Amino acid sequence: MNYNECPITRTLEVIGGKWKPIILHYLAECPRRSGELARLIPHASGKMLTQQLRELEVDRIVRRKVYREVPPRVEYSLSPLGESLRPIMIAMCAWGDANPKSRR
């Protein structure tokens, strides 16, 4: 199997990156607006969060719902495909809990 056929490579192409797993973690709890995600993930710039959300939307992991209100409201949630990542996210949380941060 070559690199491009590796299922782990495909998974990391979709959920890899510094902020995507954290975004998915918060969206697994409930739908959220981008401003709420920005408050929950203060170290990520607004531009980076927007980019990561768009990539997750293109990969059909996240749904973007626009409410026709004044002012307009946009909410992000996990799609059914995104929901299928729940076991991976739960495993990552469990691993993080069992292995406290150590300094390199």
PDB file of N, CA and C in Angstrom:
ATOM      1  N   MET A   1       0.849  -1.172   0.000  1.00  0.00           N
ATOM      2  CA  MET A   1       0.000   0.000   0.000  1.00  0.00           C
ATOM      3  C   MET A   1       0.899   1.241   0.000  1.00  0.00           C
ATOM      4  N   ASN A   2       0.632   2.155  -0.911  1.00  0.00           N
ATOM      5  CA  ASN A   2       1.459   3.354  -0.936  1.00  0.00           C
ATOM      6  C   ASN A   2       0.854   4.428  -0.034  1.00  0.00           C
ATOM      7  N   TYR A   3       1.592   5.489   0.125  1.00  0.00           N
ATOM      8  CA  TYR A   3       1.221   6.584   1.032  1.00  0.00           C
ATOM      9  C   TYR A   3      -0.183   7.117   0.742  1.00  0.00           C
ATOM     10  N   ASN A   4      -0.517   7.338  -0.530  1.00  0.00           N
ATOM     11  CA  ASN A   4      -1.812   7.918  -0.894  1.00  0.00           C
ATOM     12  C   ASN A   4      -2.988   6.996  -0.623  1.00  0.00           C
ATOM     13  N   GLU A   5      -2.747   5.699  -0.520  1.00  0.00           N
ATOM     14  CA  GLU A   5      -3.818   4.738  -0.261  1.00  0.00           C
ATOM     15  C   GLU A   5      -4.000   4.455   1.229  1.00  0.00           C
ATOM     16  N   CYS A   6      -3.119   4.964   2.052  1.00  0.00           N
ATOM     17  CA  CYS A   6      -3.147   4.685   3.489  1.00  0.00           C
ATOM     18  C   CYS A   6      -4.376   5.336   4.142  1.00  0.00           C
ATOM     19  N   PRO A   7      -5.208   4.552   4.839  1.00  0.00           N
ATOM     20  CA  PRO A   7      -6.402   5.122   5.462  1.00  0.00           C
ATOM     21  C   PRO A   7      -6.075   6.145   6.553  1.00  0.00           C
ATOM     22  N   ILE A   8      -4.957   5.976   7.222  1.00  0.00           N
ATOM     23  CA  ILE A   8      -4.563   6.952   8.244  1.00  0.00           C
ATOM     24  C   ILE A   8      -4.225   8.283   7.577  1.00  0.00           C
ATOM     25  N   THR A   9      -3.576   8.223   6.424  1.00  0.00           N
ATOM     26  CA  THR A   9      -3.270   9.444   5.684  1.00  0.00           C
ATOM     27  C   THR A   9      -4.548  10.181   5.327  1.00  0.00           C
ATOM     28  N   ARG A  10      -5.543   9.464   4.829  1.00  0.00           N
ATOM     29  CA  ARG A  10      -6.821  10.088   4.457  1.00  0.00           C
ATOM     30  C   ARG A  10      -7.491  10.720   5.677  1.00  0.00           C
ATOM     31  N   THR A  11      -7.485  10.013   6.793  1.00  0.00           N
ATOM     32  CA  THR A  11      -8.089  10.544   8.012  1.00  0.00           C
ATOM     33  C   THR A  11      -7.391  11.823   8.443  1.00  0.00           C
ATOM     34  N   LEU A  12      -6.057  11.810   8.430  1.00  0.00           N
ATOM     35  CA  LEU A  12      -5.319  12.995   8.839  1.00  0.00           C
ATOM     36  C   LEU A  12      -5.480  14.149   7.857  1.00  0.00           C
ATOM     37  N   GLU A  13      -5.706  13.845   6.587  1.00  0.00           N
ATOM     38  CA  GLU A  13      -5.973  14.911   5.617  1.00  0.00           C
ATOM     39  C   GLU A  13      -7.262  15.654   5.984  1.00  0.00           C
ATOM     40  N   VAL A  14      -8.209  14.942   6.557  1.00  0.00           N
ATOM     41  CA  VAL A  14      -9.504  15.532   6.892  1.00  0.00           C
ATOM     42  C   VAL A  14      -9.488  16.186   8.278  1.00  0.00           C
ATOM     43  N   ILE A  15      -8.959  15.508   9.284  1.00  0.00           N
ATOM     44  CA  ILE A  15      -9.052  16.036  10.655  1.00  0.00           C
ATOM     45  C   ILE A  15      -7.713  16.515  11.204  1.00  0.00           C
ATOM     46  N   GLY A  16      -6.651  16.419  10.412  1.00  0.00           N
ATOM     47  CA  GLY A  16      -5.347  16.845  10.891  1.00  0.00           C
ATOM     48  C   GLY A  16      -5.227  18.348  10.960  1.00  0.00           C
ATOM     49  N   GLY A  17      -4.276  18.796  11.701  1.00  0.00           N
ATOM     50  CA  GLY A  17      -4.054  20.228  11.875  1.00  0.00           C
ATOM     51  C   GLY A  17      -4.208  20.588  13.331  1.00  0.00           C
ATOM     52  N   LYS A  18      -3.745  21.763  13.656  1.00  0.00           N
ATOM     53  CA  LYS A  18      -3.718  22.176  15.058  1.00  0.00           C
ATOM     54  C   LYS A  18      -5.107  22.396  15.648  1.00  0.00           C
ATOM     55  N   TRP A  19      -6.046  22.928  14.862  1.00  0.00           N
ATOM     56  CA  TRP A  19      -7.332  23.335  15.424  1.00  0.00           C
ATOM     57  C   TRP A  19      -8.506  22.441  15.062  1.00  0.00           C
ATOM     58  N   LYS A  20      -8.435  21.669  14.003  1.00  0.00           N
ATOM     59  CA  LYS A  20      -9.586  20.869  13.582  1.00  0.00           C
ATOM     60  C   LYS A  20     -10.078  19.898  14.652  1.00  0.00           C
ATOM     61  N   PRO A  21      -9.196  19.133  15.307  1.00  0.00           N
ATOM     62  CA  PRO A  21      -9.711  18.229  16.347  1.00  0.00           C
ATOM     63  C   PRO A  21     -10.398  18.973  17.484  1.00  0.00           C
ATOM     64  N   ILE A  22      -9.900  20.158  17.819  1.00  0.00           N
ATOM     65  CA  ILE A  22     -10.508  20.937  18.902  1.00  0.00           C
ATOM     66  C   ILE A  22     -11.865  21.480  18.451  1.00  0.00           C
ATOM     67  N   ILE A  23     -11.948  21.949  17.220  1.00  0.00           N
ATOM     68  CA  ILE A  23     -13.228  22.395  16.666  1.00  0.00           C
ATOM     69  C   ILE A  23     -14.235  21.247  16.711  1.00  0.00           C
ATOM     70  N   LEU A  24     -13.814  20.079  16.260  1.00  0.00           N
ATOM     71  CA  LEU A  24     -14.706  18.914  16.252  1.00  0.00           C
ATOM     72  C   LEU A  24     -15.147  18.535  17.662  1.00  0.00           C
ATOM     73  N   HIS A  25     -14.239  18.646  18.608  1.00  0.00           N
ATOM     74  CA  HIS A  25     -14.564  18.350  20.007  1.00  0.00           C
ATOM     75  C   HIS A  25     -15.707  19.246  20.490  1.00  0.00           C
ATOM     76  N   TYR A  26     -15.605  20.540  20.226  1.00  0.00           N
ATOM     77  CA  TYR A  26     -16.647  21.465  20.674  1.00  0.00           C
ATOM     78  C   TYR A  26     -17.944  21.305  19.883  1.00  0.00           C
ATOM     79  N   LEU A  27     -17.844  20.995  18.601  1.00  0.00           N
ATOM     80  CA  LEU A  27     -19.070  20.793  17.809  1.00  0.00           C
ATOM     81  C   LEU A  27     -19.758  19.486  18.168  1.00  0.00           C
ATOM     82  N   ALA A  28     -19.019  18.531  18.718  1.00  0.00           N
ATOM     83  CA  ALA A  28     -19.627  17.271  19.153  1.00  0.00           C
ATOM     84  C   ALA A  28     -20.553  17.506  20.347  1.00  0.00           C
ATOM     85  N   GLU A  29     -20.281  18.564  21.117  1.00  0.00           N
ATOM     86  CA  GLU A  29     -21.125  18.881  22.271  1.00  0.00           C
ATOM     87  C   GLU A  29     -22.463  19.472  21.836  1.00  0.00           C
ATOM     88  N   CYS A  30     -22.410  20.410  20.882  1.00  0.00           N
ATOM     89  CA  CYS A  30     -23.615  21.077  20.394  1.00  0.00           C
ATOM     90  C   CYS A  30     -23.243  21.978  19.220  1.00  0.00           C
ATOM     91  N   PRO A  31     -24.230  22.369  18.414  1.00  0.00           N
ATOM     92  CA  PRO A  31     -23.945  23.326  17.332  1.00  0.00           C
ATOM     93  C   PRO A  31     -23.430  24.640  17.927  1.00  0.00           C
ATOM     94  N   ARG A  32     -22.552  25.293  17.183  1.00  0.00           N
ATOM     95  CA  ARG A  32     -21.954  26.528  17.691  1.00  0.00           C
ATOM     96  C   ARG A  32     -21.790  27.556  16.586  1.00  0.00           C
ATOM     97  N   ARG A  33     -21.784  28.800  16.994  1.00  0.00           N
ATOM     98  CA  ARG A  33     -21.489  29.897  16.087  1.00  0.00           C
ATOM     99  C   ARG A  33     -19.974  30.122  16.078  1.00  0.00           C
ATOM    100  N   SER A  34     -19.488  30.770  15.023  1.00  0.00           N
ATOM    101  CA  SER A  34     -18.036  30.963  14.909  1.00  0.00           C
ATOM    102  C   SER A  34     -17.499  31.815  16.055  1.00  0.00           C
ATOM    103  N   GLY A  35     -18.253  32.808  16.499  1.00  0.00           N
ATOM    104  CA  GLY A  35     -17.807  33.632  17.625  1.00  0.00           C
ATOM    105  C   GLY A  35     -17.666  32.824  18.902  1.00  0.00           C
ATOM    106  N   GLU A  36     -18.560  31.882  19.090  1.00  0.00           N
ATOM    107  CA  GLU A  36     -18.486  31.016  20.270  1.00  0.00           C
ATOM    108  C   GLU A  36     -17.250  30.120  20.191  1.00  0.00           C
ATOM    109  N   LEU A  37     -16.978  29.584  18.999  1.00  0.00           N
ATOM    110  CA  LEU A  37     -15.769  28.784  18.829  1.00  0.00           C
ATOM    111  C   LEU A  37     -14.520  29.628  19.080  1.00  0.00           C
ATOM    112  N   ALA A  38     -14.546  30.874  18.643  1.00  0.00           N
ATOM    113  CA  ALA A  38     -13.404  31.767  18.860  1.00  0.00           C
ATOM    114  C   ALA A  38     -13.165  31.985  20.353  1.00  0.00           C
ATOM    115  N   ARG A  39     -14.233  32.113  21.131  1.00  0.00           N
ATOM    116  CA  ARG A  39     -14.077  32.271  22.585  1.00  0.00           C
ATOM    117  C   ARG A  39     -13.563  30.989  23.235  1.00  0.00           C
ATOM    118  N   LEU A  40     -14.017  29.836  22.733  1.00  0.00           N
ATOM    119  CA  LEU A  40     -13.587  28.556  23.294  1.00  0.00           C
ATOM    120  C   LEU A  40     -12.146  28.205  22.911  1.00  0.00           C
ATOM    121  N   ILE A  41     -11.696  28.726  21.768  1.00  0.00           N
ATOM    122  CA  ILE A  41     -10.350  28.425  21.262  1.00  0.00           C
ATOM    123  C   ILE A  41      -9.616  29.757  21.072  1.00  0.00           C
ATOM    124  N   PRO A  42      -9.270  30.432  22.159  1.00  0.00           N
ATOM    125  CA  PRO A  42      -8.745  31.793  22.051  1.00  0.00           C
ATOM    126  C   PRO A  42      -7.383  31.914  21.368  1.00  0.00           C
ATOM    127  N   HIS A  43      -6.614  30.857  21.311  1.00  0.00           N
ATOM    128  CA  HIS A  43      -5.283  30.933  20.689  1.00  0.00           C
ATOM    129  C   HIS A  43      -5.331  30.832  19.170  1.00  0.00           C
ATOM    130  N   ALA A  44      -6.469  30.451  18.627  1.00  0.00           N
ATOM    131  CA  ALA A  44      -6.624  30.362  17.169  1.00  0.00           C
ATOM    132  C   ALA A  44      -7.145  31.702  16.652  1.00  0.00           C
ATOM    133  N   SER A  45      -6.544  32.202  15.604  1.00  0.00           N
ATOM    134  CA  SER A  45      -7.015  33.460  15.026  1.00  0.00           C
ATOM    135  C   SER A  45      -8.362  33.237  14.338  1.00  0.00           C
ATOM    136  N   GLY A  46      -9.119  34.301  14.194  1.00  0.00           N
ATOM    137  CA  GLY A  46     -10.402  34.214  13.495  1.00  0.00           C
ATOM    138  C   GLY A  46     -10.233  33.716  12.074  1.00  0.00           C
ATOM    139  N   LYS A  47      -9.186  34.191  11.417  1.00  0.00           N
ATOM    140  CA  LYS A  47      -8.913  33.771  10.045  1.00  0.00           C
ATOM    141  C   LYS A  47      -8.645  32.267   9.981  1.00  0.00           C
ATOM    142  N   MET A  48      -7.872  31.760  10.934  1.00  0.00           N
ATOM    143  CA  MET A  48      -7.541  30.330  10.954  1.00  0.00           C
ATOM    144  C   MET A  48      -8.784  29.493  11.253  1.00  0.00           C
ATOM    145  N   LEU A  49      -9.611  29.937  12.191  1.00  0.00           N
ATOM    146  CA  LEU A  49     -10.840  29.194  12.497  1.00  0.00           C
ATOM    147  C   LEU A  49     -11.752  29.141  11.281  1.00  0.00           C
ATOM    148  N   THR A  50     -11.890  30.257  10.597  1.00  0.00           N
ATOM    149  CA  THR A  50     -12.719  30.298   9.393  1.00  0.00           C
ATOM    150  C   THR A  50     -12.186  29.342   8.344  1.00  0.00           C
ATOM    151  N   GLN A  51     -10.880  29.346   8.150  1.00  0.00           N
ATOM    152  CA  GLN A  51     -10.251  28.450   7.161  1.00  0.00           C
ATOM    153  C   GLN A  51     -10.489  26.995   7.518  1.00  0.00           C
ATOM    154  N   GLN A  52     -10.289  26.654   8.784  1.00  0.00           N
ATOM    155  CA  GLN A  52     -10.463  25.271   9.229  1.00  0.00           C
ATOM    156  C   GLN A  52     -11.921  24.842   9.106  1.00  0.00           C
ATOM    157  N   LEU A  53     -12.862  25.718   9.461  1.00  0.00           N
ATOM    158  CA  LEU A  53     -14.284  25.403   9.334  1.00  0.00           C
ATOM    159  C   LEU A  53     -14.662  25.195   7.871  1.00  0.00           C
ATOM    160  N   ARG A  54     -14.133  26.012   6.987  1.00  0.00           N
ATOM    161  CA  ARG A  54     -14.424  25.850   5.558  1.00  0.00           C
ATOM    162  C   ARG A  54     -13.887  24.532   5.030  1.00  0.00           C
ATOM    163  N   GLU A  55     -12.674  24.169   5.442  1.00  0.00           N
ATOM    164  CA  GLU A  55     -12.100  22.889   5.005  1.00  0.00           C
ATOM    165  C   GLU A  55     -12.942  21.725   5.513  1.00  0.00           C
ATOM    166  N   LEU A  56     -13.384  21.795   6.772  1.00  0.00           N
ATOM    167  CA  LEU A  56     -14.232  20.739   7.323  1.00  0.00           C
ATOM    168  C   LEU A  56     -15.577  20.683   6.603  1.00  0.00           C
ATOM    169  N   GLU A  57     -16.074  21.832   6.179  1.00  0.00           N
ATOM    170  CA  GLU A  57     -17.320  21.872   5.425  1.00  0.00           C
ATOM    171  C   GLU A  57     -17.134  21.257   4.035  1.00  0.00           C
ATOM    172  N   VAL A  58     -16.031  21.591   3.363  1.00  0.00           N
ATOM    173  CA  VAL A  58     -15.739  21.023   2.036  1.00  0.00           C
ATOM    174  C   VAL A  58     -15.618  19.505   2.123  1.00  0.00           C
ATOM    175  N   ASP A  59     -15.031  19.007   3.215  1.00  0.00           N
ATOM    176  CA  ASP A  59     -14.869  17.562   3.409  1.00  0.00           C
ATOM    177  C   ASP A  59     -16.135  16.899   3.953  1.00  0.00           C
ATOM    178  N   ARG A  60     -17.223  17.680   4.086  1.00  0.00           N
ATOM    179  CA  ARG A  60     -18.536  17.196   4.527  1.00  0.00           C
ATOM    180  C   ARG A  60     -18.530  16.681   5.968  1.00  0.00           C
ATOM    181  N   ILE A  61     -17.623  17.196   6.792  1.00  0.00           N
ATOM    182  CA  ILE A  61     -17.548  16.817   8.204  1.00  0.00           C
ATOM    183  C   ILE A  61     -18.423  17.748   9.040  1.00  0.00           C
ATOM    184  N   VAL A  62     -18.517  18.983   8.596  1.00  0.00           N
ATOM    185  CA  VAL A  62     -19.261  20.025   9.311  1.00  0.00           C
ATOM    186  C   VAL A  62     -20.337  20.587   8.393  1.00  0.00           C
ATOM    187  N   ARG A  63     -21.476  20.901   8.988  1.00  0.00           N
ATOM    188  CA  ARG A  63     -22.563  21.584   8.271  1.00  0.00           C
ATOM    189  C   ARG A  63     -22.562  23.051   8.696  1.00  0.00           C
ATOM    190  N   ARG A  64     -22.830  23.890   7.734  1.00  0.00           N
ATOM    191  CA  ARG A  64     -22.953  25.330   7.985  1.00  0.00           C
ATOM    192  C   ARG A  64     -24.394  25.713   7.686  1.00  0.00           C
ATOM    193  N   LYS A  65     -25.091  26.233   8.691  1.00  0.00           N
ATOM    194  CA  LYS A  65     -26.490  26.609   8.516  1.00  0.00           C
ATOM    195  C   LYS A  65     -26.618  28.115   8.704  1.00  0.00           C
ATOM    196  N   VAL A  66     -27.167  28.770   7.694  1.00  0.00           N
ATOM    197  CA  VAL A  66     -27.382  30.212   7.736  1.00  0.00           C
ATOM    198  C   VAL A  66     -28.846  30.469   8.066  1.00  0.00           C
ATOM    199  N   TYR A  67     -29.084  31.228   9.119  1.00  0.00           N
ATOM    200  CA  TYR A  67     -30.435  31.600   9.516  1.00  0.00           C
ATOM    201  C   TYR A  67     -30.755  32.956   8.900  1.00  0.00           C
ATOM    202  N   ARG A  68     -31.907  33.052   8.288  1.00  0.00           N
ATOM    203  CA  ARG A  68     -32.321  34.307   7.651  1.00  0.00           C
ATOM    204  C   ARG A  68     -32.914  35.224   8.719  1.00  0.00           C
ATOM    205  N   GLU A  69     -32.017  35.886   9.412  1.00  0.00           N
ATOM    206  CA  GLU A  69     -32.384  36.819  10.472  1.00  0.00           C
ATOM    207  C   GLU A  69     -31.616  38.109  10.247  1.00  0.00           C
ATOM    208  N   VAL A  70     -31.982  39.127  10.982  1.00  0.00           N
ATOM    209  CA  VAL A  70     -31.228  40.371  10.969  1.00  0.00           C
ATOM    210  C   VAL A  70     -30.754  40.614  12.386  1.00  0.00           C
ATOM    211  N   PRO A  71     -29.454  40.616  12.634  1.00  0.00           N
ATOM    212  CA  PRO A  71     -28.369  40.299  11.691  1.00  0.00           C
ATOM    213  C   PRO A  71     -28.332  38.797  11.388  1.00  0.00           C
ATOM    214  N   PRO A  72     -27.730  38.432  10.251  1.00  0.00           N
ATOM    215  CA  PRO A  72     -27.672  37.009   9.889  1.00  0.00           C
ATOM    216  C   PRO A  72     -26.913  36.199  10.948  1.00  0.00           C
ATOM    217  N   ARG A  73     -27.360  34.989  11.122  1.00  0.00           N
ATOM    218  CA  ARG A  73     -26.727  34.095  12.095  1.00  0.00           C
ATOM    219  C   ARG A  73     -26.286  32.842  11.351  1.00  0.00           C
ATOM    220  N   VAL A  74     -25.048  32.402  11.618  1.00  0.00           N
ATOM    221  CA  VAL A  74     -24.500  31.188  11.013  1.00  0.00           C
ATOM    222  C   VAL A  74     -24.112  30.247  12.139  1.00  0.00           C
ATOM    223  N   GLU A  75     -24.507  28.997  11.991  1.00  0.00           N
ATOM    224  CA  GLU A  75     -24.235  27.997  13.020  1.00  0.00           C
ATOM    225  C   GLU A  75     -23.575  26.787  12.376  1.00  0.00           C
ATOM    226  N   TYR A  76     -22.619  26.213  13.067  1.00  0.00           N
ATOM    227  CA  TYR A  76     -21.904  25.037  12.589  1.00  0.00           C
ATOM    228  C   TYR A  76     -22.257  23.844  13.463  1.00  0.00           C
ATOM    229  N   SER A  77     -22.385  22.691  12.823  1.00  0.00           N
ATOM    230  CA  SER A  77     -22.664  21.453  13.548  1.00  0.00           C
ATOM    231  C   SER A  77     -21.991  20.304  12.803  1.00  0.00           C
ATOM    232  N   LEU A  78     -21.899  19.171  13.473  1.00  0.00           N
ATOM    233  CA  LEU A  78     -21.342  17.991  12.818  1.00  0.00           C
ATOM    234  C   LEU A  78     -22.371  17.420  11.847  1.00  0.00           C
ATOM    235  N   SER A  79     -21.904  17.028  10.689  1.00  0.00           N
ATOM    236  CA  SER A  79     -22.746  16.321   9.723  1.00  0.00           C
ATOM    237  C   SER A  79     -22.810  14.855  10.155  1.00  0.00           C
ATOM    238  N   PRO A  80     -23.627  14.038   9.501  1.00  0.00           N
ATOM    239  CA  PRO A  80     -23.592  12.602   9.816  1.00  0.00           C
ATOM    240  C   PRO A  80     -22.183  12.009   9.639  1.00  0.00           C
ATOM    241  N   LEU A  81     -21.466  12.441   8.607  1.00  0.00           N
ATOM    242  CA  LEU A  81     -20.096  11.968   8.425  1.00  0.00           C
ATOM    243  C   LEU A  81     -19.214  12.438   9.580  1.00  0.00           C
ATOM    244  N   GLY A  82     -19.425  13.672  10.033  1.00  0.00           N
ATOM    245  CA  GLY A  82     -18.687  14.183  11.188  1.00  0.00           C
ATOM    246  C   GLY A  82     -19.019  13.407  12.454  1.00  0.00           C
ATOM    247  N   GLU A  83     -20.291  13.048  12.600  1.00  0.00           N
ATOM    248  CA  GLU A  83     -20.701  12.238  13.766  1.00  0.00           C
ATOM    249  C   GLU A  83     -19.974  10.899  13.784  1.00  0.00           C
ATOM    250  N   SER A  84     -19.648  10.374  12.599  1.00  0.00           N
ATOM    251  CA  SER A  84     -18.945   9.084  12.540  1.00  0.00           C
ATOM    252  C   SER A  84     -17.525   9.189  13.096  1.00  0.00           C
ATOM    253  N   LEU A  85     -17.029  10.404  13.286  1.00  0.00           N
ATOM    254  CA  LEU A  85     -15.701  10.605  13.884  1.00  0.00           C
ATOM    255  C   LEU A  85     -15.745  10.587  15.409  1.00  0.00           C
ATOM    256  N   ARG A  86     -16.935  10.549  15.979  1.00  0.00           N
ATOM    257  CA  ARG A  86     -17.078  10.581  17.440  1.00  0.00           C
ATOM    258  C   ARG A  86     -16.205   9.548  18.165  1.00  0.00           C
ATOM    259  N   PRO A  87     -16.186   8.278  17.738  1.00  0.00           N
ATOM    260  CA  PRO A  87     -15.333   7.306  18.437  1.00  0.00           C
ATOM    261  C   PRO A  87     -13.846   7.693  18.410  1.00  0.00           C
ATOM    262  N   ILE A  88     -13.404   8.289  17.318  1.00  0.00           N
ATOM    263  CA  ILE A  88     -12.008   8.733  17.230  1.00  0.00           C
ATOM    264  C   ILE A  88     -11.760   9.859  18.230  1.00  0.00           C
ATOM    265  N   MET A  89     -12.694  10.808  18.303  1.00  0.00           N
ATOM    266  CA  MET A  89     -12.538  11.932  19.219  1.00  0.00           C
ATOM    267  C   MET A  89     -12.581  11.455  20.674  1.00  0.00           C
ATOM    268  N   ILE A  90     -13.467  10.519  20.971  1.00  0.00           N
ATOM    269  CA  ILE A  90     -13.561   9.967  22.329  1.00  0.00           C
ATOM    270  C   ILE A  90     -12.253   9.268  22.686  1.00  0.00           C
ATOM    271  N   ALA A  91     -11.697   8.504  21.747  1.00  0.00           N
ATOM    272  CA  ALA A  91     -10.424   7.817  21.990  1.00  0.00           C
ATOM    273  C   ALA A  91      -9.293   8.823  22.208  1.00  0.00           C
ATOM    274  N   MET A  92      -9.293   9.910  21.450  1.00  0.00           N
ATOM    275  CA  MET A  92      -8.259  10.935  21.625  1.00  0.00           C
ATOM    276  C   MET A  92      -8.378  11.591  22.999  1.00  0.00           C
ATOM    277  N   CYS A  93      -9.609  11.871  23.437  1.00  0.00           N
ATOM    278  CA  CYS A  93      -9.814  12.446  24.773  1.00  0.00           C
ATOM    279  C   CYS A  93      -9.348  11.481  25.862  1.00  0.00           C
ATOM    280  N   ALA A  94      -9.693  10.212  25.716  1.00  0.00           N
ATOM    281  CA  ALA A  94      -9.288   9.213  26.708  1.00  0.00           C
ATOM    282  C   ALA A  94      -7.772   9.095  26.773  1.00  0.00           C
ATOM    283  N   TRP A  95      -7.132   9.111  25.623  1.00  0.00           N
ATOM    284  CA  TRP A  95      -5.671   9.018  25.594  1.00  0.00           C
ATOM    285  C   TRP A  95      -5.058  10.250  26.265  1.00  0.00           C
ATOM    286  N   GLY A  96      -5.594  11.421  25.962  1.00  0.00           N
ATOM    287  CA  GLY A  96      -5.094  12.654  26.580  1.00  0.00           C
ATOM    288  C   GLY A  96      -5.273  12.668  28.079  1.00  0.00           C
ATOM    289  N   ASP A  97      -6.420  12.137  28.557  1.00  0.00           N
ATOM    290  CA  ASP A  97      -6.646  12.052  30.001  1.00  0.00           C
ATOM    291  C   ASP A  97      -5.681  11.074  30.665  1.00  0.00           C
ATOM    292  N   ALA A  98      -5.396   9.964  29.993  1.00  0.00           N
ATOM    293  CA  ALA A  98      -4.535   8.935  30.573  1.00  0.00           C
ATOM    294  C   ALA A  98      -3.050   9.285  30.486  1.00  0.00           C
ATOM    295  N   ASN A  99      -2.697  10.222  29.637  1.00  0.00           N
ATOM    296  CA  ASN A  99      -1.296  10.580  29.434  1.00  0.00           C
ATOM    297  C   ASN A  99      -1.119  12.084  29.587  1.00  0.00           C
ATOM    298  N   PRO A 100      -0.986  12.526  30.818  1.00  0.00           N
ATOM    299  CA  PRO A 100      -0.845  13.967  31.061  1.00  0.00           C
ATOM    300  C   PRO A 100       0.316  14.566  30.269  1.00  0.00           C
ATOM    301  N   LYS A 101       0.178  15.816  29.984  1.00  0.00           N
ATOM    302  CA  LYS A 101       1.175  16.526  29.197  1.00  0.00           C
ATOM    303  C   LYS A 101       2.538  16.437  29.864  1.00  0.00           C
ATOM    304  N   SER A 102       3.506  16.135  29.050  1.00  0.00           N
ATOM    305  CA  SER A 102       4.891  16.152  29.548  1.00  0.00           C
ATOM    306  C   SER A 102       5.666  17.134  28.697  1.00  0.00           C
ATOM    307  N   ARG A 103       6.676  17.702  29.271  1.00  0.00           N
ATOM    308  CA  ARG A 103       7.537  18.652  28.553  1.00  0.00           C
ATOM    309  C   ARG A 103       8.524  17.885  27.703  1.00  0.00           C
ATOM    310  N   ARG A 104       8.752  18.384  26.512  1.00  0.00           N
ATOM    311  CA  ARG A 104       9.714  17.734  25.615  1.00  0.00           C
ATOM    312  C   ARG A 104      11.110  18.065  26.037  1.00  0.00           C
TER     313      ARG A 104
END
